């Protein structure tokens, strides 16, 4: 067999073996699970936790808490609307969402005067990254671990791949003790 044919056959087999995105990326919501991004299962910490609640119109309320920096105990909590578009979860971050967001440090709410000074800077940073007013979508692909609750998220902004690596997601029970916090230093 010519080498070119062998390489094409191997490439076709590799493509066939690659997992495809989940047809229903929010199916585990029906089991009452929440989505933990970049989980550390030993310390039960996440870079972000998203709680999706079904709405009568078929969309979802997306209540998310996200770590602002991996080395800082400051989080941003906001609420938005998520839509299923085929095998993608999509939503748009608005200026109003950021203005109404809540900041916490070490799990405690920041005083309103501190939040009022920080939220505009966070909004400016998000705008520079192209995250405000543009559709953000992502697919979830089984990560190959064999765990039916473990996925890799692939994101796009306005249909274009993001300039960030894919991240790992784990669907967890809300009472499992997971929280948004920096990973402990070794």
Protein backbone atom coordinates (compact mmCIF):
# COMPACT_ATOMS: atom_id res chain seq x y z
CA UNK A 1 0.00 0.00 0.00
CA UNK A 2 1.45 3.39 -0.95
CA UNK A 3 2.46 5.59 2.01
CA UNK A 4 0.04 8.34 0.94
CA UNK A 5 -2.88 5.88 1.00
CA UNK A 6 -1.80 4.62 4.42
CA UNK A 7 -1.63 8.17 5.76
CA UNK A 8 -5.09 8.96 4.37
CA UNK A 9 -6.49 5.78 5.93
CA UNK A 10 -4.94 6.63 9.31
CA UNK A 11 -6.27 10.19 9.10
CA UNK A 12 -9.76 8.92 8.28
CA UNK A 13 -9.63 6.51 11.24
CA UNK A 14 -8.44 9.30 13.54
CA UNK A 15 -11.31 11.54 12.38
CA UNK A 16 -13.79 8.72 12.88
CA UNK A 17 -12.50 8.14 16.42
CA UNK A 18 -12.60 11.81 17.42
CA UNK A 19 -15.56 12.52 19.67
CA UNK A 20 -18.26 14.76 18.28
CA UNK A 21 -20.00 17.55 20.20
CA UNK A 22 -22.86 16.56 22.45
CA UNK A 23 -26.19 16.80 20.63
CA UNK A 24 -27.81 18.28 23.76
CA UNK A 25 -25.07 20.17 25.60
CA UNK A 26 -27.36 20.99 28.55
CA UNK A 27 -28.97 17.55 28.96
CA UNK A 28 -27.47 17.15 32.44
CA UNK A 29 -29.43 20.19 33.65
CA UNK A 30 -32.47 17.86 33.81
CA UNK A 31 -30.58 15.85 36.47
CA UNK A 32 -30.15 19.01 38.58
CA UNK A 33 -26.41 19.28 37.88
CA UNK A 34 -24.36 22.47 37.56
CA UNK A 35 -21.37 23.07 35.30
CA UNK A 36 -17.91 23.44 36.88
CA UNK A 37 -15.21 24.86 34.58
CA UNK A 38 -11.60 23.76 35.13
CA UNK A 39 -12.44 21.60 38.15
CA UNK A 40 -9.95 20.49 40.77
CA UNK A 41 -11.72 17.44 42.14
CA UNK A 42 -9.35 17.07 45.12
CA UNK A 43 -10.14 20.56 46.46
CA UNK A 44 -13.60 20.87 44.87
CA UNK A 45 -12.75 24.18 43.27
CA UNK A 46 -13.75 25.54 39.85
CA UNK A 47 -12.71 28.51 37.75
CA UNK A 48 -16.44 29.07 37.15
CA UNK A 49 -19.76 27.53 38.16
CA UNK A 50 -22.80 27.86 35.90
CA UNK A 51 -26.32 27.03 37.03
CA UNK A 52 -28.71 26.72 34.08
CA UNK A 53 -32.45 26.91 34.80
CA UNK A 54 -34.93 26.01 32.03
CA UNK A 55 -37.40 28.73 31.05
CA UNK A 56 -40.85 28.23 29.49
CA UNK A 57 -39.68 29.57 26.10
CA UNK A 58 -36.98 26.85 25.81
CA UNK A 59 -34.10 29.13 26.76
CA UNK A 60 -32.21 28.93 30.07
CA UNK A 61 -31.36 31.39 32.79
CA UNK A 62 -27.59 31.19 33.20
CA UNK A 63 -26.44 32.18 36.68
CA UNK A 64 -22.64 32.08 36.63
CA UNK A 65 -19.91 32.87 39.11
CA UNK A 66 -16.45 33.20 37.57
CA UNK A 67 -12.99 33.68 39.03
CA UNK A 68 -11.60 36.96 37.70
CA UNK A 69 -7.94 35.89 37.97
CA UNK A 70 -6.48 32.47 38.75
CA UNK A 71 -4.39 33.90 41.60
CA UNK A 72 -7.02 36.12 43.23
CA UNK A 73 -10.04 35.16 45.35
CA UNK A 74 -12.25 37.69 43.56
CA UNK A 75 -15.29 36.44 41.66
CA UNK A 76 -17.91 38.01 39.43
CA UNK A 77 -21.50 36.69 39.56
CA UNK A 78 -23.96 37.53 36.82
CA UNK A 79 -27.17 36.31 35.28
CA UNK A 80 -27.98 36.03 31.59
CA UNK A 81 -29.97 34.05 29.06
CA UNK A 82 -28.55 30.98 27.31
CA UNK A 83 -30.03 29.56 24.12
CA UNK A 84 -29.50 26.20 22.50
CA UNK A 85 -28.59 26.58 18.83
CA UNK A 86 -28.15 23.08 17.50
CA UNK A 87 -25.35 21.55 19.57
CA UNK A 88 -24.17 24.94 20.90
CA UNK A 89 -24.97 26.92 24.04
CA UNK A 90 -25.09 30.61 23.11
CA UNK A 91 -25.58 33.90 24.87
CA UNK A 92 -24.61 37.54 24.75
CA UNK A 93 -22.99 39.48 27.57
CA UNK A 94 -24.60 42.91 27.80
CA UNK A 95 -23.41 46.09 29.48
CA UNK A 96 -26.41 45.77 31.81
CA UNK A 97 -25.33 42.27 32.89
CA UNK A 98 -21.93 43.57 33.91
CA UNK A 99 -23.39 46.63 35.63
CA UNK A 100 -25.73 44.39 37.66
CA UNK A 101 -23.04 41.79 38.45
CA UNK A 102 -21.96 41.09 42.00
CA UNK A 103 -18.34 41.00 43.11
CA UNK A 104 -17.10 38.82 45.94
CA UNK A 105 -13.73 38.46 47.59
CA UNK A 106 -13.06 35.21 49.44
CA UNK A 107 -16.77 34.39 49.15
CA UNK A 108 -17.90 37.62 50.84
CA UNK A 109 -19.73 40.36 48.89
CA UNK A 110 -17.68 43.48 48.26
CA UNK A 111 -19.14 46.69 49.68
CA UNK A 112 -21.18 48.60 47.06
CA UNK A 113 -18.68 51.47 46.90
CA UNK A 114 -15.83 49.07 46.05
CA UNK A 115 -17.94 47.25 43.45
CA UNK A 116 -18.95 50.59 41.91
CA UNK A 117 -15.28 51.39 41.36
CA UNK A 118 -14.33 47.97 39.95
CA UNK A 119 -17.26 47.03 37.70
CA UNK A 120 -16.57 49.75 35.09
CA UNK A 121 -12.96 48.52 34.80
CA UNK A 122 -14.15 44.94 34.42
CA UNK A 123 -16.61 46.08 31.75
CA UNK A 124 -13.82 47.92 29.88
CA UNK A 125 -11.62 44.80 29.98
CA UNK A 126 -14.45 42.62 28.69
CA UNK A 127 -15.13 45.12 25.90
CA UNK A 128 -11.42 45.09 24.90
CA UNK A 129 -11.62 41.28 24.68
CA UNK A 130 -14.67 41.57 22.40
CA UNK A 131 -16.99 39.95 24.93
CA UNK A 132 -19.66 42.67 25.22
CA UNK A 133 -22.57 42.68 22.80
CA UNK A 134 -21.31 39.77 20.70
CA UNK A 135 -22.72 36.26 20.62
CA UNK A 136 -20.64 33.76 22.60
CA UNK A 137 -21.26 30.10 21.78
CA UNK A 138 -19.70 26.84 22.85
CA UNK A 139 -19.97 23.14 22.22
CA UNK A 140 -19.29 20.39 24.72
CA UNK A 141 -17.43 17.28 23.54
CA UNK A 142 -16.92 14.19 25.70
CA UNK A 143 -13.34 14.46 26.96
CA UNK A 144 -12.45 10.80 26.48
CA UNK A 145 -12.17 10.07 30.20
CA UNK A 146 -15.17 7.74 30.19
CA UNK A 147 -16.93 9.96 32.74
CA UNK A 148 -20.34 10.84 31.24
CA UNK A 149 -20.27 14.17 33.13
CA UNK A 150 -16.85 15.32 31.85
CA UNK A 151 -16.51 17.44 28.70
CA UNK A 152 -14.19 19.74 26.78
CA UNK A 153 -15.71 23.11 25.89
CA UNK A 154 -14.88 24.71 22.54
CA UNK A 155 -15.89 28.39 22.33
CA UNK A 156 -16.52 30.94 19.60
CA UNK A 157 -17.22 34.69 19.62
CA UNK A 158 -19.43 35.90 16.77
CA UNK A 159 -18.76 32.58 15.03
CA UNK A 160 -14.97 32.84 15.24
CA UNK A 161 -12.78 30.59 17.42
CA UNK A 162 -11.61 32.31 20.60
CA UNK A 163 -7.97 33.06 21.24
CA UNK A 164 -7.97 30.93 24.39
CA UNK A 165 -7.48 27.21 24.92
CA UNK A 166 -10.46 24.91 25.29
CA UNK A 167 -11.43 24.22 28.86
CA UNK A 168 -12.49 21.19 30.86
CA UNK A 169 -16.02 20.98 32.26
CA UNK A 170 -17.43 18.68 34.91
CA UNK A 171 -21.12 18.54 35.74
CA UNK A 172 -21.51 18.29 39.52
CA UNK A 173 -24.32 18.15 42.06
CA UNK A 174 -25.04 21.53 43.69
CA UNK A 175 -24.62 19.89 47.11
CA UNK A 176 -21.24 18.29 46.26
CA UNK A 177 -19.37 21.21 47.85
CA UNK A 178 -17.77 22.73 44.74
CA UNK A 179 -16.95 26.45 44.87
CA UNK A 180 -15.30 29.07 42.68
CA UNK A 181 -11.82 29.69 44.05
CA UNK A 182 -8.18 29.71 42.98
CA UNK A 183 -6.43 26.36 42.90
CA UNK A 184 -4.33 25.81 46.00
CA UNK A 185 -0.63 26.33 45.42
CA UNK A 186 1.40 23.09 45.60
